[in-house]
Amino acid sequence: MSAAAILRDSAAAGVTLSLSATGTIKATGDQSAMDLWLPAIRAHKPGIVALLAEGANDKLYKAARFWLLHFPDREPLTVALSPAAPHAEVLAIYPAALAAEPIEPGRRQPDTLLAGDQEAAVLAWLAAIGETDEATIADVLTRCRRDADARAYYLSRAGYAVRDDDRRCCRQCGNLRSGVCVVARPGGQVSAIRGYRPASPDMPQRCAGYLIRTAQC
């Protein structure tokens, strides 16, 4: 397994790798997932450090939360990452992408205050992924209070049901079977290569190909 594959697959498992101030690898996330991935991370440490350093040292592609991804066989895709990720790490997470551009979206002020149950849901999610840094937790809550897009993103990660939101997750769609979108076609309702597997099936989005999942007897 390559260093890029470890970055991609460990991130998909909920493990976030970053460089510390001393140049060592810092891993955060679910403890059981970290225990599973630590042997591979240690075995490929030089390559992983090089990939992480490449993004950290590249001024044109500094760490960002929002990225626009370009693919050879489907429309560009906007993704949100938490925590912010550098260019090399984004391409490692999305290996099918030809290029990635950082996006600094305009901030939309929320229409309502952050409700107590919403804050509790975000805090529970942060605890579940092993985030204990008080400054990071405070930053997330501040974003949820001041930025409507950030609030929607973190509440979606926390599994909170946002009222009056017409977006749906791929995981909720009846066209997603065994992790594969069965209606994906280049230029179709779901413009993607046949056999497309959503990289973020829990990310709320609007899709013309969405199909309400029905119960099977």
N, C-alpha and C. Protein backbone atom coordinates (compact mmCIF):
# COMPACT_ATOMS: atom_id res chain seq x y z
N MET A 1 0.86 -1.20 0.00
CA MET A 1 0.00 0.00 0.00
C MET A 1 0.89 1.25 0.00
N SER A 2 0.56 2.23 -0.84
CA SER A 2 1.36 3.44 -0.94
C SER A 2 1.00 4.44 0.16
N ALA A 3 1.88 5.43 0.34
CA ALA A 3 1.62 6.47 1.33
C ALA A 3 0.34 7.23 0.99
N ALA A 4 0.13 7.51 -0.31
CA ALA A 4 -1.09 8.22 -0.73
C ALA A 4 -2.33 7.40 -0.43
N ALA A 5 -2.26 6.09 -0.65
CA ALA A 5 -3.41 5.22 -0.38
C ALA A 5 -3.70 5.18 1.11
N ILE A 6 -2.65 5.19 1.94
CA ILE A 6 -2.86 5.20 3.39
C ILE A 6 -3.52 6.50 3.82
N LEU A 7 -3.07 7.62 3.26
CA LEU A 7 -3.71 8.91 3.57
C LEU A 7 -5.19 8.88 3.20
N ARG A 8 -5.49 8.36 2.00
CA ARG A 8 -6.86 8.32 1.52
C ARG A 8 -7.73 7.38 2.35
N ASP A 9 -7.26 6.14 2.53
CA ASP A 9 -8.10 5.13 3.17
C ASP A 9 -8.23 5.35 4.68
N SER A 10 -7.17 5.85 5.31
CA SER A 10 -7.28 6.13 6.74
C SER A 10 -8.23 7.30 6.98
N ALA A 11 -8.21 8.29 6.06
CA ALA A 11 -9.14 9.41 6.19
C ALA A 11 -10.57 8.93 6.03
N ALA A 12 -10.80 8.00 5.09
CA ALA A 12 -12.14 7.45 4.91
C ALA A 12 -12.60 6.69 6.15
N ALA A 13 -11.64 6.14 6.91
CA ALA A 13 -11.97 5.39 8.13
C ALA A 13 -12.11 6.31 9.33
N GLY A 14 -11.91 7.62 9.13
CA GLY A 14 -12.09 8.57 10.22
C GLY A 14 -10.82 8.98 10.93
N VAL A 15 -9.64 8.66 10.33
CA VAL A 15 -8.36 9.03 10.93
C VAL A 15 -7.76 10.19 10.14
N THR A 16 -7.48 11.29 10.82
CA THR A 16 -6.90 12.46 10.18
C THR A 16 -5.42 12.54 10.53
N LEU A 17 -4.58 12.63 9.50
CA LEU A 17 -3.13 12.73 9.69
C LEU A 17 -2.67 14.14 9.37
N SER A 18 -1.80 14.66 10.22
CA SER A 18 -1.26 16.00 10.01
C SER A 18 0.17 16.03 10.55
N LEU A 19 0.90 17.09 10.20
CA LEU A 19 2.27 17.25 10.69
C LEU A 19 2.27 18.12 11.93
N SER A 20 3.01 17.68 12.94
CA SER A 20 3.15 18.48 14.15
C SER A 20 4.21 19.56 13.92
N ALA A 21 4.39 20.43 14.89
CA ALA A 21 5.38 21.50 14.77
C ALA A 21 6.80 20.95 14.66
N THR A 22 7.02 19.74 15.17
CA THR A 22 8.35 19.14 15.12
C THR A 22 8.56 18.26 13.90
N GLY A 23 7.53 18.18 13.03
CA GLY A 23 7.66 17.40 11.81
C GLY A 23 7.27 15.95 11.93
N THR A 24 6.68 15.56 13.04
CA THR A 24 6.20 14.19 13.21
C THR A 24 4.73 14.12 12.80
N ILE A 25 4.24 12.90 12.61
CA ILE A 25 2.85 12.71 12.19
C ILE A 25 1.93 12.72 13.40
N LYS A 26 0.88 13.51 13.32
CA LYS A 26 -0.14 13.55 14.36
C LYS A 26 -1.41 12.90 13.81
N ALA A 27 -1.91 11.89 14.51
CA ALA A 27 -3.12 11.19 14.09
C ALA A 27 -4.24 11.48 15.07
N THR A 28 -5.41 11.86 14.56
CA THR A 28 -6.58 12.09 15.39
C THR A 28 -7.77 11.35 14.80
N GLY A 29 -8.70 10.98 15.65
CA GLY A 29 -9.89 10.28 15.19
C GLY A 29 -10.32 9.21 16.16
N ASP A 30 -11.16 8.32 15.70
CA ASP A 30 -11.65 7.22 16.51
C ASP A 30 -10.49 6.32 16.94
N GLN A 31 -10.44 5.98 18.24
CA GLN A 31 -9.30 5.24 18.76
C GLN A 31 -9.14 3.87 18.12
N SER A 32 -10.26 3.17 17.91
CA SER A 32 -10.18 1.84 17.31
C SER A 32 -9.66 1.92 15.88
N ALA A 33 -10.08 2.97 15.14
CA ALA A 33 -9.59 3.14 13.77
C ALA A 33 -8.10 3.49 13.77
N MET A 34 -7.68 4.32 14.72
CA MET A 34 -6.26 4.68 14.79
C MET A 34 -5.41 3.46 15.13
N ASP A 35 -5.89 2.62 16.07
CA ASP A 35 -5.15 1.41 16.41
C ASP A 35 -4.98 0.51 15.20
N LEU A 36 -6.00 0.48 14.33
CA LEU A 36 -5.95 -0.36 13.13
C LEU A 36 -4.94 0.17 12.12
N TRP A 37 -4.86 1.50 11.99
CA TRP A 37 -4.03 2.10 10.95
C TRP A 37 -2.61 2.45 11.38
N LEU A 38 -2.33 2.53 12.68
CA LEU A 38 -1.00 2.96 13.13
C LEU A 38 0.14 2.10 12.59
N PRO A 39 0.02 0.76 12.53
CA PRO A 39 1.13 -0.02 11.97
C PRO A 39 1.49 0.37 10.54
N ALA A 40 0.48 0.56 9.69
CA ALA A 40 0.74 0.95 8.31
C ALA A 40 1.30 2.37 8.23
N ILE A 41 0.81 3.25 9.10
CA ILE A 41 1.30 4.63 9.11
C ILE A 41 2.77 4.66 9.50
N ARG A 42 3.15 3.88 10.52
CA ARG A 42 4.55 3.83 10.94
C ARG A 42 5.43 3.23 9.84
N ALA A 43 4.93 2.20 9.16
CA ALA A 43 5.72 1.53 8.12
C ALA A 43 5.97 2.43 6.92
N HIS A 44 5.08 3.41 6.67
CA HIS A 44 5.22 4.30 5.51
C HIS A 44 5.41 5.76 5.95
N LYS A 45 6.01 5.93 7.13
CA LYS A 45 6.14 7.27 7.70
C LYS A 45 6.85 8.25 6.79
N PRO A 46 8.00 7.92 6.20
CA PRO A 46 8.70 8.91 5.35
C PRO A 46 7.84 9.41 4.19
N GLY A 47 7.15 8.49 3.51
CA GLY A 47 6.32 8.90 2.38
C GLY A 47 5.14 9.75 2.81
N ILE A 48 4.55 9.42 3.95
CA ILE A 48 3.41 10.19 4.44
C ILE A 48 3.85 11.58 4.86
N VAL A 49 4.98 11.66 5.55
CA VAL A 49 5.51 12.96 5.95
C VAL A 49 5.78 13.82 4.72
N ALA A 50 6.33 13.20 3.67
CA ALA A 50 6.63 13.95 2.44
C ALA A 50 5.36 14.50 1.81
N LEU A 51 4.29 13.69 1.77
CA LEU A 51 3.03 14.14 1.19
C LEU A 51 2.42 15.27 2.01
N LEU A 52 2.44 15.10 3.33
CA LEU A 52 1.88 16.14 4.19
C LEU A 52 2.69 17.43 4.10
N ALA A 53 4.02 17.29 4.04
CA ALA A 53 4.88 18.47 3.96
C ALA A 53 4.72 19.18 2.63
N GLU A 54 4.49 18.41 1.56
CA GLU A 54 4.32 19.00 0.23
C GLU A 54 3.16 19.99 0.24
N GLY A 55 2.05 19.57 0.83
CA GLY A 55 0.90 20.47 0.88
C GLY A 55 1.11 21.62 1.84
N ALA A 56 1.78 21.35 2.98
CA ALA A 56 1.99 22.40 3.98
C ALA A 56 2.93 23.48 3.48
N ASN A 57 3.88 23.10 2.61
CA ASN A 57 4.88 24.07 2.14
C ASN A 57 4.48 24.75 0.84
N ASP A 58 3.41 24.30 0.22
CA ASP A 58 2.99 24.87 -1.06
C ASP A 58 2.08 26.06 -0.81
N LYS A 59 2.59 27.27 -1.04
CA LYS A 59 1.81 28.47 -0.73
C LYS A 59 0.57 28.59 -1.61
N LEU A 60 0.63 28.03 -2.81
CA LEU A 60 -0.52 28.13 -3.69
C LEU A 60 -1.65 27.22 -3.24
N TYR A 61 -1.33 26.18 -2.49
CA TYR A 61 -2.33 25.21 -2.07
C TYR A 61 -2.23 24.97 -0.56
N LYS A 62 -2.34 26.04 0.20
CA LYS A 62 -2.33 25.89 1.65
C LYS A 62 -3.62 25.20 2.10
N ALA A 63 -3.64 24.77 3.35
CA ALA A 63 -4.79 24.03 3.87
C ALA A 63 -6.07 24.85 3.73
N ALA A 64 -7.12 24.21 3.25
CA ALA A 64 -8.41 24.86 3.07
C ALA A 64 -9.52 23.87 3.40
N ARG A 65 -10.67 24.38 3.78
CA ARG A 65 -11.81 23.51 4.13
C ARG A 65 -12.64 23.16 2.90
N PHE A 66 -12.73 24.08 1.95
CA PHE A 66 -13.57 23.86 0.78
C PHE A 66 -12.69 23.76 -0.47
N TRP A 67 -12.98 22.74 -1.30
CA TRP A 67 -12.19 22.49 -2.51
C TRP A 67 -13.10 22.21 -3.69
N LEU A 68 -12.68 22.68 -4.86
CA LEU A 68 -13.37 22.36 -6.11
C LEU A 68 -12.53 21.32 -6.84
N LEU A 69 -13.12 20.12 -7.05
CA LEU A 69 -12.40 19.02 -7.67
C LEU A 69 -12.80 18.89 -9.14
N HIS A 70 -11.84 18.62 -10.01
CA HIS A 70 -12.08 18.45 -11.44
C HIS A 70 -11.81 17.00 -11.82
N PHE A 71 -12.75 16.39 -12.56
CA PHE A 71 -12.65 14.99 -12.96
C PHE A 71 -12.66 14.87 -14.48
N PRO A 72 -12.10 13.80 -15.01
CA PRO A 72 -12.08 13.63 -16.47
C PRO A 72 -13.41 13.18 -17.05
N ASP A 73 -14.30 12.63 -16.21
CA ASP A 73 -15.51 11.98 -16.74
C ASP A 73 -16.81 12.48 -16.12
N ARG A 74 -16.75 13.56 -15.34
CA ARG A 74 -17.98 14.10 -14.76
C ARG A 74 -17.78 15.55 -14.36
N GLU A 75 -18.88 16.18 -13.94
CA GLU A 75 -18.84 17.59 -13.60
C GLU A 75 -17.96 17.83 -12.36
N PRO A 76 -17.42 19.05 -12.22
CA PRO A 76 -16.64 19.37 -11.02
C PRO A 76 -17.48 19.18 -9.76
N LEU A 77 -16.81 18.89 -8.67
CA LEU A 77 -17.47 18.61 -7.40
C LEU A 77 -16.87 19.49 -6.31
N THR A 78 -17.74 20.14 -5.53
CA THR A 78 -17.30 20.92 -4.39
C THR A 78 -17.40 20.07 -3.14
N VAL A 79 -16.30 19.98 -2.37
CA VAL A 79 -16.30 19.18 -1.16
C VAL A 79 -15.88 20.04 0.02
N ALA A 80 -16.35 19.66 1.21
CA ALA A 80 -15.98 20.34 2.45
C ALA A 80 -15.25 19.34 3.33
N LEU A 81 -14.10 19.73 3.85
CA LEU A 81 -13.28 18.84 4.68
C LEU A 81 -13.10 19.46 6.07
N SER A 82 -13.08 18.61 7.07
CA SER A 82 -12.81 19.08 8.42
C SER A 82 -11.93 18.06 9.13
N PRO A 83 -10.76 18.48 9.59
CA PRO A 83 -10.21 19.84 9.52
C PRO A 83 -9.75 20.18 8.11
N ALA A 84 -9.31 21.42 7.94
CA ALA A 84 -8.82 21.86 6.63
C ALA A 84 -7.68 20.97 6.18
N ALA A 85 -7.59 20.73 4.87
CA ALA A 85 -6.58 19.83 4.32
C ALA A 85 -5.78 20.54 3.23
N PRO A 86 -4.49 20.20 3.08
CA PRO A 86 -3.66 20.77 2.01
C PRO A 86 -3.91 20.05 0.69
N HIS A 87 -3.37 20.62 -0.37
CA HIS A 87 -3.60 20.12 -1.73
C HIS A 87 -3.25 18.64 -1.89
N ALA A 88 -2.06 18.24 -1.44
CA ALA A 88 -1.62 16.85 -1.62
C ALA A 88 -2.56 15.88 -0.92
N GLU A 89 -3.03 16.27 0.26
CA GLU A 89 -3.92 15.38 1.01
C GLU A 89 -5.28 15.27 0.33
N VAL A 90 -5.77 16.37 -0.25
CA VAL A 90 -7.06 16.34 -0.95
C VAL A 90 -6.99 15.39 -2.14
N LEU A 91 -5.91 15.48 -2.91
CA LEU A 91 -5.76 14.58 -4.06
C LEU A 91 -5.56 13.13 -3.63
N ALA A 92 -4.99 12.93 -2.44
CA ALA A 92 -4.85 11.57 -1.93
C ALA A 92 -6.21 11.00 -1.52
N ILE A 93 -7.08 11.86 -1.00
CA ILE A 93 -8.42 11.42 -0.60
C ILE A 93 -9.29 11.17 -1.82
N TYR A 94 -9.11 11.99 -2.87
CA TYR A 94 -9.90 11.85 -4.10
C TYR A 94 -8.95 11.53 -5.27
N PRO A 95 -8.47 10.31 -5.37
CA PRO A 95 -7.47 9.97 -6.40
C PRO A 95 -7.99 10.06 -7.82
N ALA A 96 -9.31 10.05 -8.03
CA ALA A 96 -9.85 10.14 -9.38
C ALA A 96 -9.84 11.58 -9.91
N ALA A 97 -9.60 12.55 -9.04
CA ALA A 97 -9.62 13.95 -9.45
C ALA A 97 -8.34 14.30 -10.23
N LEU A 98 -8.52 15.08 -11.31
CA LEU A 98 -7.37 15.55 -12.08
C LEU A 98 -6.70 16.75 -11.42
N ALA A 99 -7.50 17.58 -10.76
CA ALA A 99 -6.98 18.79 -10.13
C ALA A 99 -7.91 19.21 -9.00
N ALA A 100 -7.37 20.01 -8.09
CA ALA A 100 -8.15 20.52 -6.96
C ALA A 100 -7.82 21.98 -6.74
N GLU A 101 -8.87 22.79 -6.56
CA GLU A 101 -8.68 24.22 -6.33
C GLU A 101 -9.29 24.59 -4.98
N PRO A 102 -8.53 25.30 -4.13
CA PRO A 102 -9.11 25.74 -2.84
C PRO A 102 -10.14 26.83 -3.08
N ILE A 103 -11.20 26.79 -2.28
CA ILE A 103 -12.29 27.76 -2.39
C ILE A 103 -12.47 28.44 -1.04
N GLU A 104 -12.57 29.74 -1.06
CA GLU A 104 -12.89 30.49 0.15
C GLU A 104 -14.29 31.07 -0.01
N PRO A 105 -15.31 30.31 0.40
CA PRO A 105 -16.69 30.75 0.15
C PRO A 105 -17.04 31.97 0.99
N GLY A 106 -17.96 32.77 0.46
CA GLY A 106 -18.45 33.90 1.21
C GLY A 106 -19.26 33.42 2.41
N ARG A 107 -19.09 34.08 3.52
CA ARG A 107 -19.77 33.66 4.74
C ARG A 107 -21.22 34.12 4.72
N ARG A 108 -22.14 33.20 5.01
CA ARG A 108 -23.55 33.54 5.15
C ARG A 108 -23.91 33.50 6.63
N GLN A 109 -24.42 34.62 7.13
CA GLN A 109 -24.82 34.68 8.53
C GLN A 109 -26.06 33.82 8.76
N PRO A 110 -26.06 32.93 9.76
CA PRO A 110 -27.25 32.10 10.03
C PRO A 110 -28.46 32.96 10.35
N ASP A 111 -29.66 32.47 9.98
CA ASP A 111 -30.89 33.20 10.25
C ASP A 111 -31.33 33.05 11.69
N THR A 112 -30.87 32.00 12.36
CA THR A 112 -31.28 31.75 13.74
C THR A 112 -30.05 31.47 14.60
N LEU A 113 -30.23 31.57 15.92
CA LEU A 113 -29.16 31.24 16.84
C LEU A 113 -28.93 29.73 16.84
N LEU A 114 -27.73 29.32 17.19
CA LEU A 114 -27.43 27.90 17.31
C LEU A 114 -28.20 27.34 18.50
N ALA A 115 -29.12 26.40 18.23
CA ALA A 115 -29.96 25.83 19.29
C ALA A 115 -29.14 24.92 20.20
N GLY A 116 -29.64 24.74 21.43
CA GLY A 116 -28.93 23.93 22.40
C GLY A 116 -28.75 22.50 21.95
N ASP A 117 -29.79 21.92 21.30
CA ASP A 117 -29.66 20.53 20.86
C ASP A 117 -28.70 20.42 19.67
N GLN A 118 -28.61 21.48 18.86
CA GLN A 118 -27.66 21.48 17.76
C GLN A 118 -26.23 21.52 18.28
N GLU A 119 -25.98 22.38 19.26
CA GLU A 119 -24.64 22.45 19.85
C GLU A 119 -24.27 21.12 20.50
N ALA A 120 -25.22 20.51 21.19
CA ALA A 120 -24.96 19.22 21.84
C ALA A 120 -24.62 18.15 20.80
N ALA A 121 -25.31 18.19 19.65
CA ALA A 121 -25.06 17.20 18.60
C ALA A 121 -23.64 17.36 18.04
N VAL A 122 -23.22 18.62 17.81
CA VAL A 122 -21.88 18.87 17.29
C VAL A 122 -20.82 18.44 18.31
N LEU A 123 -21.04 18.76 19.59
CA LEU A 123 -20.09 18.38 20.63
C LEU A 123 -19.98 16.86 20.75
N ALA A 124 -21.12 16.17 20.62
CA ALA A 124 -21.11 14.70 20.69
C ALA A 124 -20.32 14.11 19.52
N TRP A 125 -20.47 14.72 18.33
CA TRP A 125 -19.73 14.24 17.16
C TRP A 125 -18.23 14.46 17.34
N LEU A 126 -17.85 15.64 17.84
CA LEU A 126 -16.44 15.92 18.06
C LEU A 126 -15.84 14.93 19.07
N ALA A 127 -16.60 14.61 20.11
CA ALA A 127 -16.13 13.63 21.10
C ALA A 127 -15.99 12.26 20.47
N ALA A 128 -16.93 11.92 19.57
CA ALA A 128 -16.92 10.59 18.94
C ALA A 128 -15.71 10.41 18.03
N ILE A 129 -15.24 11.49 17.40
CA ILE A 129 -14.08 11.36 16.51
C ILE A 129 -12.76 11.60 17.25
N GLY A 130 -12.86 11.77 18.58
CA GLY A 130 -11.65 11.90 19.38
C GLY A 130 -11.06 13.29 19.45
N GLU A 131 -11.83 14.31 19.09
CA GLU A 131 -11.33 15.69 19.14
C GLU A 131 -11.44 16.22 20.57
N THR A 132 -10.29 16.50 21.19
CA THR A 132 -10.27 16.98 22.57
C THR A 132 -9.62 18.34 22.72
N ASP A 133 -9.04 18.86 21.62
CA ASP A 133 -8.37 20.15 21.69
C ASP A 133 -9.40 21.26 21.91
N GLU A 134 -9.27 21.98 23.02
CA GLU A 134 -10.28 22.99 23.39
C GLU A 134 -10.36 24.12 22.36
N ALA A 135 -9.21 24.51 21.78
CA ALA A 135 -9.21 25.59 20.80
C ALA A 135 -9.96 25.16 19.53
N THR A 136 -9.75 23.90 19.10
CA THR A 136 -10.44 23.39 17.91
C THR A 136 -11.93 23.32 18.15
N ILE A 137 -12.34 22.83 19.32
CA ILE A 137 -13.76 22.72 19.65
C ILE A 137 -14.41 24.10 19.68
N ALA A 138 -13.72 25.07 20.29
CA ALA A 138 -14.25 26.43 20.35
C ALA A 138 -14.38 27.03 18.95
N ASP A 139 -13.39 26.74 18.08
CA ASP A 139 -13.43 27.25 16.71
C ASP A 139 -14.61 26.68 15.93
N VAL A 140 -14.88 25.38 16.11
CA VAL A 140 -16.01 24.74 15.43
C VAL A 140 -17.32 25.37 15.88
N LEU A 141 -17.49 25.56 17.19
CA LEU A 141 -18.73 26.15 17.70
C LEU A 141 -18.88 27.60 17.23
N THR A 142 -17.78 28.33 17.16
CA THR A 142 -17.84 29.71 16.66
C THR A 142 -18.29 29.74 15.21
N ARG A 143 -17.76 28.82 14.39
CA ARG A 143 -18.17 28.73 12.99
C ARG A 143 -19.66 28.40 12.89
N CYS A 144 -20.12 27.49 13.74
CA CYS A 144 -21.54 27.11 13.71
C CYS A 144 -22.44 28.29 14.07
N ARG A 145 -21.96 29.18 14.91
CA ARG A 145 -22.77 30.33 15.33
C ARG A 145 -22.75 31.45 14.29
N ARG A 146 -21.66 31.55 13.51
CA ARG A 146 -21.47 32.71 12.64
C ARG A 146 -21.57 32.42 11.15
N ASP A 147 -21.48 31.15 10.75
CA ASP A 147 -21.41 30.79 9.33
C ASP A 147 -22.46 29.73 9.03
N ALA A 148 -23.45 30.08 8.21
CA ALA A 148 -24.56 29.17 7.91
C ALA A 148 -24.09 27.91 7.20
N ASP A 149 -23.14 28.05 6.25
CA ASP A 149 -22.64 26.88 5.52
C ASP A 149 -21.86 25.96 6.45
N ALA A 150 -21.04 26.54 7.33
CA ALA A 150 -20.29 25.72 8.28
C ALA A 150 -21.24 25.01 9.23
N ARG A 151 -22.29 25.69 9.67
CA ARG A 151 -23.26 25.06 10.57
C ARG A 151 -23.91 23.85 9.89
N ALA A 152 -24.34 24.04 8.65
CA ALA A 152 -25.00 22.94 7.93
C ALA A 152 -24.05 21.76 7.77
N TYR A 153 -22.77 22.05 7.50
CA TYR A 153 -21.79 20.98 7.31
C TYR A 153 -21.59 20.19 8.60
N TYR A 154 -21.32 20.89 9.70
CA TYR A 154 -21.04 20.19 10.96
C TYR A 154 -22.27 19.46 11.49
N LEU A 155 -23.45 20.04 11.30
CA LEU A 155 -24.67 19.34 11.74
C LEU A 155 -24.89 18.08 10.91
N SER A 156 -24.52 18.13 9.63
CA SER A 156 -24.66 16.94 8.79
C SER A 156 -23.71 15.84 9.26
N ARG A 157 -22.48 16.22 9.63
CA ARG A 157 -21.53 15.24 10.14
C ARG A 157 -22.01 14.66 11.46
N ALA A 158 -22.72 15.49 12.24
CA ALA A 158 -23.22 15.03 13.53
C ALA A 158 -24.50 14.20 13.40
N GLY A 159 -25.03 14.10 12.18
CA GLY A 159 -26.25 13.33 11.97
C GLY A 159 -27.50 14.04 12.44
N TYR A 160 -27.42 15.37 12.56
CA TYR A 160 -28.58 16.15 13.04
C TYR A 160 -29.53 16.42 11.88
N ALA A 161 -30.81 16.17 12.10
CA ALA A 161 -31.82 16.38 11.05
C ALA A 161 -32.20 17.85 11.01
N VAL A 162 -31.74 18.56 9.97
CA VAL A 162 -32.04 19.98 9.83
C VAL A 162 -33.40 20.16 9.18
N ARG A 163 -34.27 20.94 9.82
CA ARG A 163 -35.62 21.15 9.28
C ARG A 163 -35.57 22.01 8.02
N ASP A 164 -36.53 21.73 7.13
CA ASP A 164 -36.71 22.52 5.91
C ASP A 164 -35.46 22.49 5.02
N ASP A 165 -34.75 21.41 5.03
CA ASP A 165 -33.57 21.25 4.18
C ASP A 165 -33.90 20.19 3.14
N ASP A 166 -33.93 20.59 1.85
CA ASP A 166 -34.31 19.65 0.80
C ASP A 166 -33.13 18.85 0.27
N ARG A 167 -31.96 19.00 0.88
CA ARG A 167 -30.82 18.20 0.46
C ARG A 167 -30.93 16.80 1.05
N ARG A 168 -30.32 15.83 0.37
CA ARG A 168 -30.31 14.46 0.85
C ARG A 168 -28.90 13.89 0.70
N CYS A 169 -28.61 12.83 1.43
CA CYS A 169 -27.32 12.16 1.34
C CYS A 169 -27.42 10.99 0.37
N CYS A 170 -26.31 10.69 -0.29
CA CYS A 170 -26.30 9.53 -1.19
C CYS A 170 -26.70 8.26 -0.44
N ARG A 171 -26.31 8.16 0.84
CA ARG A 171 -26.64 6.97 1.60
C ARG A 171 -28.14 6.78 1.77
N GLN A 172 -28.91 7.88 1.64
CA GLN A 172 -30.37 7.81 1.78
C GLN A 172 -31.05 7.44 0.46
N CYS A 173 -30.30 7.46 -0.64
CA CYS A 173 -30.89 7.32 -1.97
C CYS A 173 -31.09 5.85 -2.35
N GLY A 174 -32.24 5.58 -2.95
CA GLY A 174 -32.55 4.22 -3.39
C GLY A 174 -31.70 3.77 -4.56
N ASN A 175 -31.01 4.72 -5.21
CA ASN A 175 -30.15 4.35 -6.34
C ASN A 175 -28.74 3.97 -5.90
N LEU A 176 -28.43 4.10 -4.60
CA LEU A 176 -27.13 3.69 -4.10
C LEU A 176 -27.26 2.26 -3.57
N ARG A 177 -26.61 1.34 -4.26
CA ARG A 177 -26.71 -0.07 -3.91
C ARG A 177 -25.33 -0.66 -3.75
N SER A 178 -25.09 -1.19 -2.55
CA SER A 178 -23.77 -1.73 -2.20
C SER A 178 -22.68 -0.68 -2.41
N GLY A 179 -23.02 0.58 -2.12
CA GLY A 179 -22.05 1.67 -2.24
C GLY A 179 -21.87 2.22 -3.63
N VAL A 180 -22.61 1.69 -4.63
CA VAL A 180 -22.47 2.12 -6.02
C VAL A 180 -23.73 2.82 -6.49
N CYS A 181 -23.59 3.98 -7.17
CA CYS A 181 -24.72 4.68 -7.76
C CYS A 181 -25.09 3.98 -9.07
N VAL A 182 -26.26 3.35 -9.10
CA VAL A 182 -26.61 2.52 -10.27
C VAL A 182 -27.15 3.34 -11.43
N VAL A 183 -27.38 4.65 -11.24
CA VAL A 183 -27.89 5.48 -12.35
C VAL A 183 -26.83 6.46 -12.85
N ALA A 184 -25.62 6.37 -12.33
CA ALA A 184 -24.55 7.28 -12.76
C ALA A 184 -24.19 7.02 -14.22
N ARG A 185 -24.23 8.04 -15.02
CA ARG A 185 -23.85 7.97 -16.44
C ARG A 185 -23.20 9.29 -16.83
N PRO A 186 -22.19 9.28 -17.65
CA PRO A 186 -21.62 10.55 -18.14
C PRO A 186 -22.71 11.36 -18.85
N GLY A 187 -22.98 12.56 -18.38
CA GLY A 187 -23.98 13.42 -18.99
C GLY A 187 -25.40 13.10 -18.59
N GLY A 188 -25.61 12.12 -17.69
CA GLY A 188 -26.96 11.75 -17.26
C GLY A 188 -27.43 12.57 -16.06
N GLN A 189 -28.54 12.11 -15.42
CA GLN A 189 -29.03 12.82 -14.24
C GLN A 189 -27.96 12.88 -13.16
N VAL A 190 -27.26 11.78 -12.98
CA VAL A 190 -26.09 11.76 -12.10
C VAL A 190 -24.87 11.67 -13.01
N SER A 191 -24.28 12.82 -13.28
CA SER A 191 -23.19 12.87 -14.26
C SER A 191 -21.89 12.37 -13.64
N ALA A 192 -21.66 11.07 -13.78
CA ALA A 192 -20.46 10.44 -13.24
C ALA A 192 -20.21 9.17 -14.03
N ILE A 193 -19.00 8.65 -13.89
CA ILE A 193 -18.66 7.43 -14.60
C ILE A 193 -19.52 6.27 -14.09
N ARG A 194 -19.87 5.36 -14.97
CA ARG A 194 -20.66 4.19 -14.60
C ARG A 194 -19.96 3.43 -13.45
N GLY A 195 -20.73 3.07 -12.43
CA GLY A 195 -20.15 2.40 -11.27
C GLY A 195 -19.60 3.36 -10.23
N TYR A 196 -20.00 4.63 -10.31
CA TYR A 196 -19.51 5.68 -9.41
C TYR A 196 -19.82 5.36 -7.95
N ARG A 197 -18.80 5.47 -7.10
CA ARG A 197 -18.95 5.30 -5.65
C ARG A 197 -18.76 6.66 -4.99
N PRO A 198 -19.79 7.24 -4.39
CA PRO A 198 -19.65 8.56 -3.76
C PRO A 198 -18.56 8.53 -2.69
N ALA A 199 -17.66 9.51 -2.76
CA ALA A 199 -16.58 9.58 -1.78
C ALA A 199 -17.12 10.03 -0.42
N SER A 200 -18.21 10.82 -0.42
CA SER A 200 -18.80 11.31 0.84
C SER A 200 -20.29 11.01 0.83
N PRO A 201 -20.69 9.73 1.04
CA PRO A 201 -22.10 9.36 0.97
C PRO A 201 -22.98 10.00 2.04
N ASP A 202 -22.37 10.57 3.09
CA ASP A 202 -23.14 11.20 4.16
C ASP A 202 -23.19 12.72 4.02
N MET A 203 -22.66 13.24 2.90
CA MET A 203 -22.66 14.69 2.68
C MET A 203 -23.98 15.13 2.04
N PRO A 204 -24.77 16.00 2.70
CA PRO A 204 -26.04 16.45 2.11
C PRO A 204 -25.80 17.23 0.82
N GLN A 205 -26.61 16.95 -0.21
CA GLN A 205 -26.50 17.65 -1.48
C GLN A 205 -27.80 17.49 -2.26
N ARG A 206 -27.94 18.30 -3.30
CA ARG A 206 -29.11 18.19 -4.16
C ARG A 206 -28.72 17.42 -5.41
N CYS A 207 -29.54 16.44 -5.78
CA CYS A 207 -29.21 15.58 -6.91
C CYS A 207 -30.47 15.27 -7.70
N ALA A 208 -30.41 15.50 -9.02
CA ALA A 208 -31.59 15.25 -9.86
C ALA A 208 -31.94 13.77 -9.93
N GLY A 209 -30.99 12.91 -9.58
CA GLY A 209 -31.25 11.47 -9.66
C GLY A 209 -31.70 10.85 -8.36
N TYR A 210 -31.99 11.68 -7.34
CA TYR A 210 -32.34 11.13 -6.03
C TYR A 210 -33.63 10.30 -6.10
N LEU A 211 -33.61 9.14 -5.45
CA LEU A 211 -34.76 8.24 -5.41
C LEU A 211 -35.05 7.88 -3.96
N ILE A 212 -36.28 8.11 -3.53
CA ILE A 212 -36.65 7.78 -2.15
C ILE A 212 -36.51 6.28 -1.94
N ARG A 213 -35.81 5.91 -0.90
CA ARG A 213 -35.60 4.50 -0.60
C ARG A 213 -36.90 3.91 -0.03
N THR A 214 -37.32 2.78 -0.57
CA THR A 214 -38.53 2.12 -0.10
C THR A 214 -38.18 0.84 0.64
N ALA A 215 -39.03 0.47 1.56
CA ALA A 215 -38.79 -0.73 2.36
C ALA A 215 -38.99 -1.98 1.50
N GLN A 216 -38.16 -2.98 1.72
CA GLN A 216 -38.26 -4.24 1.01
C GLN A 216 -38.83 -5.31 1.95
N CYS A 217 -39.84 -6.05 1.47
CA CYS A 217 -40.46 -7.08 2.30
C CYS A 217 -39.91 -8.46 1.93
